[in-house]
Amino acid sequence: MHGDDDQIVPYSESGPLSAKILKKGILKTYKGFPHGMPTTQAEVINADLVDFLKA
C-alpha cells in the first residue's frame, strides 16, 4: 500500500520496489494519498486491509 502523493517516502523510490522484494508481493497504489494515509484516509485503507485479509 502506498500513496502516490507521499512527500516523506516518495512513491517512485519505494512503492514498486517494496512489492518486488516479496515473492508474492502486490502493490496497491492510492492516487493522491499522502504519507499519513492510514490516518487521513482510514476508512478506505481499513476496508482494503479487511478485504485483503479475507482473501
N, C-alpha and C. Protein backbone atom coordinates (compact mmCIF):
# COMPACT_ATOMS: atom_id res chain seq x y z
N MET A 1 0.85 -1.17 0.00
CA MET A 1 0.00 0.00 0.00
C MET A 1 0.90 1.23 0.00
N HIS A 2 0.60 2.12 -0.93
CA HIS A 2 1.41 3.33 -1.00
C HIS A 2 0.61 4.42 -1.69
N GLY A 3 0.65 5.61 -1.11
CA GLY A 3 0.03 6.75 -1.74
C GLY A 3 0.98 7.37 -2.75
N ASP A 4 0.45 7.81 -3.88
CA ASP A 4 1.35 8.37 -4.89
C ASP A 4 1.67 9.85 -4.64
N ASP A 5 1.13 10.41 -3.55
CA ASP A 5 1.46 11.78 -3.17
C ASP A 5 2.21 11.82 -1.84
N ASP A 6 2.95 10.77 -1.55
CA ASP A 6 3.74 10.68 -0.32
C ASP A 6 4.95 11.59 -0.43
N GLN A 7 5.02 12.62 0.40
CA GLN A 7 6.13 13.57 0.37
C GLN A 7 7.28 13.15 1.30
N ILE A 8 7.05 12.15 2.14
CA ILE A 8 8.07 11.66 3.07
C ILE A 8 8.88 10.53 2.44
N VAL A 9 8.18 9.54 1.90
CA VAL A 9 8.81 8.42 1.21
C VAL A 9 8.22 8.42 -0.21
N PRO A 10 8.91 9.06 -1.14
CA PRO A 10 8.35 9.18 -2.49
C PRO A 10 7.97 7.84 -3.11
N TYR A 11 6.82 7.84 -3.76
CA TYR A 11 6.30 6.62 -4.39
C TYR A 11 7.32 5.97 -5.31
N SER A 12 7.90 6.76 -6.19
CA SER A 12 8.82 6.19 -7.18
C SER A 12 10.07 5.57 -6.55
N GLU A 13 10.40 6.01 -5.35
CA GLU A 13 11.58 5.48 -4.67
C GLU A 13 11.30 4.24 -3.84
N SER A 14 10.04 3.96 -3.56
CA SER A 14 9.79 2.82 -2.66
C SER A 14 8.60 1.95 -3.03
N GLY A 15 7.53 2.50 -3.55
CA GLY A 15 6.33 1.72 -3.82
C GLY A 15 6.58 0.48 -4.66
N PRO A 16 6.96 0.64 -5.92
CA PRO A 16 7.20 -0.54 -6.77
C PRO A 16 8.33 -1.43 -6.27
N LEU A 17 9.34 -0.84 -5.67
CA LEU A 17 10.48 -1.63 -5.19
C LEU A 17 10.09 -2.54 -4.03
N SER A 18 9.27 -2.06 -3.13
CA SER A 18 8.90 -2.88 -1.98
C SER A 18 8.06 -4.08 -2.39
N ALA A 19 7.25 -3.94 -3.42
CA ALA A 19 6.46 -5.08 -3.89
C ALA A 19 7.34 -6.11 -4.58
N LYS A 20 8.41 -5.68 -5.22
CA LYS A 20 9.30 -6.59 -5.94
C LYS A 20 10.12 -7.49 -5.01
N ILE A 21 10.39 -7.04 -3.79
CA ILE A 21 11.23 -7.85 -2.91
C ILE A 21 10.48 -9.01 -2.26
N LEU A 22 9.17 -9.00 -2.38
CA LEU A 22 8.37 -10.10 -1.84
C LEU A 22 8.01 -11.08 -2.95
N LYS A 23 8.10 -12.35 -2.66
CA LYS A 23 7.85 -13.38 -3.65
C LYS A 23 6.45 -13.21 -4.29
N LYS A 24 5.46 -12.94 -3.48
CA LYS A 24 4.09 -12.76 -3.98
C LYS A 24 3.59 -11.35 -3.67
N GLY A 25 4.49 -10.40 -3.78
CA GLY A 25 4.14 -9.02 -3.45
C GLY A 25 3.11 -8.42 -4.40
N ILE A 26 2.22 -7.66 -3.82
CA ILE A 26 1.19 -6.94 -4.57
C ILE A 26 1.24 -5.49 -4.11
N LEU A 27 1.29 -4.58 -5.06
CA LEU A 27 1.31 -3.16 -4.72
C LEU A 27 -0.06 -2.56 -4.99
N LYS A 28 -0.62 -1.96 -3.97
CA LYS A 28 -1.87 -1.21 -4.10
C LYS A 28 -1.50 0.26 -4.00
N THR A 29 -1.76 1.01 -5.07
CA THR A 29 -1.42 2.42 -5.13
C THR A 29 -2.67 3.26 -4.97
N TYR A 30 -2.57 4.26 -4.11
CA TYR A 30 -3.70 5.16 -3.85
C TYR A 30 -3.38 6.53 -4.44
N LYS A 31 -4.13 6.91 -5.45
CA LYS A 31 -3.91 8.19 -6.13
C LYS A 31 -4.24 9.36 -5.20
N GLY A 32 -3.25 10.23 -5.02
CA GLY A 32 -3.43 11.43 -4.23
C GLY A 32 -3.30 11.25 -2.72
N PHE A 33 -3.05 10.04 -2.26
CA PHE A 33 -2.95 9.81 -0.82
C PHE A 33 -1.55 10.17 -0.32
N PRO A 34 -1.48 10.79 0.88
CA PRO A 34 -0.20 11.21 1.45
C PRO A 34 0.45 10.11 2.29
N HIS A 35 1.59 10.44 2.87
CA HIS A 35 2.32 9.51 3.73
C HIS A 35 1.46 9.04 4.91
N GLY A 36 0.68 9.92 5.48
CA GLY A 36 -0.15 9.57 6.64
C GLY A 36 -1.49 8.99 6.27
N MET A 37 -1.57 8.32 5.13
CA MET A 37 -2.86 7.83 4.64
C MET A 37 -3.59 6.90 5.60
N PRO A 38 -2.92 6.11 6.44
CA PRO A 38 -3.69 5.29 7.38
C PRO A 38 -4.50 6.13 8.37
N THR A 39 -4.08 7.35 8.59
CA THR A 39 -4.81 8.25 9.48
C THR A 39 -5.79 9.12 8.71
N THR A 40 -5.32 9.73 7.63
CA THR A 40 -6.16 10.67 6.89
C THR A 40 -7.20 9.99 6.03
N GLN A 41 -6.96 8.76 5.64
CA GLN A 41 -7.88 8.01 4.78
C GLN A 41 -8.21 6.65 5.40
N ALA A 42 -8.41 6.64 6.70
CA ALA A 42 -8.58 5.38 7.44
C ALA A 42 -9.72 4.52 6.91
N GLU A 43 -10.82 5.12 6.52
CA GLU A 43 -11.97 4.33 6.05
C GLU A 43 -11.60 3.50 4.82
N VAL A 44 -10.90 4.11 3.88
CA VAL A 44 -10.51 3.42 2.65
C VAL A 44 -9.45 2.37 2.95
N ILE A 45 -8.41 2.76 3.68
CA ILE A 45 -7.30 1.85 3.99
C ILE A 45 -7.79 0.65 4.79
N ASN A 46 -8.57 0.88 5.82
CA ASN A 46 -9.06 -0.22 6.66
C ASN A 46 -9.94 -1.17 5.88
N ALA A 47 -10.81 -0.64 5.04
CA ALA A 47 -11.68 -1.51 4.22
C ALA A 47 -10.84 -2.38 3.28
N ASP A 48 -9.83 -1.80 2.68
CA ASP A 48 -8.96 -2.57 1.78
C ASP A 48 -8.16 -3.61 2.55
N LEU A 49 -7.70 -3.27 3.74
CA LEU A 49 -6.96 -4.24 4.54
C LEU A 49 -7.84 -5.42 4.94
N VAL A 50 -9.07 -5.15 5.33
CA VAL A 50 -10.01 -6.22 5.69
C VAL A 50 -10.27 -7.12 4.47
N ASP A 51 -10.49 -6.52 3.31
CA ASP A 51 -10.71 -7.31 2.09
C ASP A 51 -9.50 -8.17 1.77
N PHE A 52 -8.30 -7.61 1.93
CA PHE A 52 -7.06 -8.35 1.67
C PHE A 52 -6.93 -9.54 2.63
N LEU A 53 -7.19 -9.32 3.89
CA LEU A 53 -7.07 -10.39 4.88
C LEU A 53 -8.11 -11.48 4.68
N LYS A 54 -9.27 -11.13 4.19
CA LYS A 54 -10.31 -12.13 3.93
C LYS A 54 -10.01 -12.97 2.69
N ALA A 55 -9.22 -12.43 1.78
CA ALA A 55 -8.96 -13.12 0.50
C ALA A 55 -8.03 -14.30 0.66
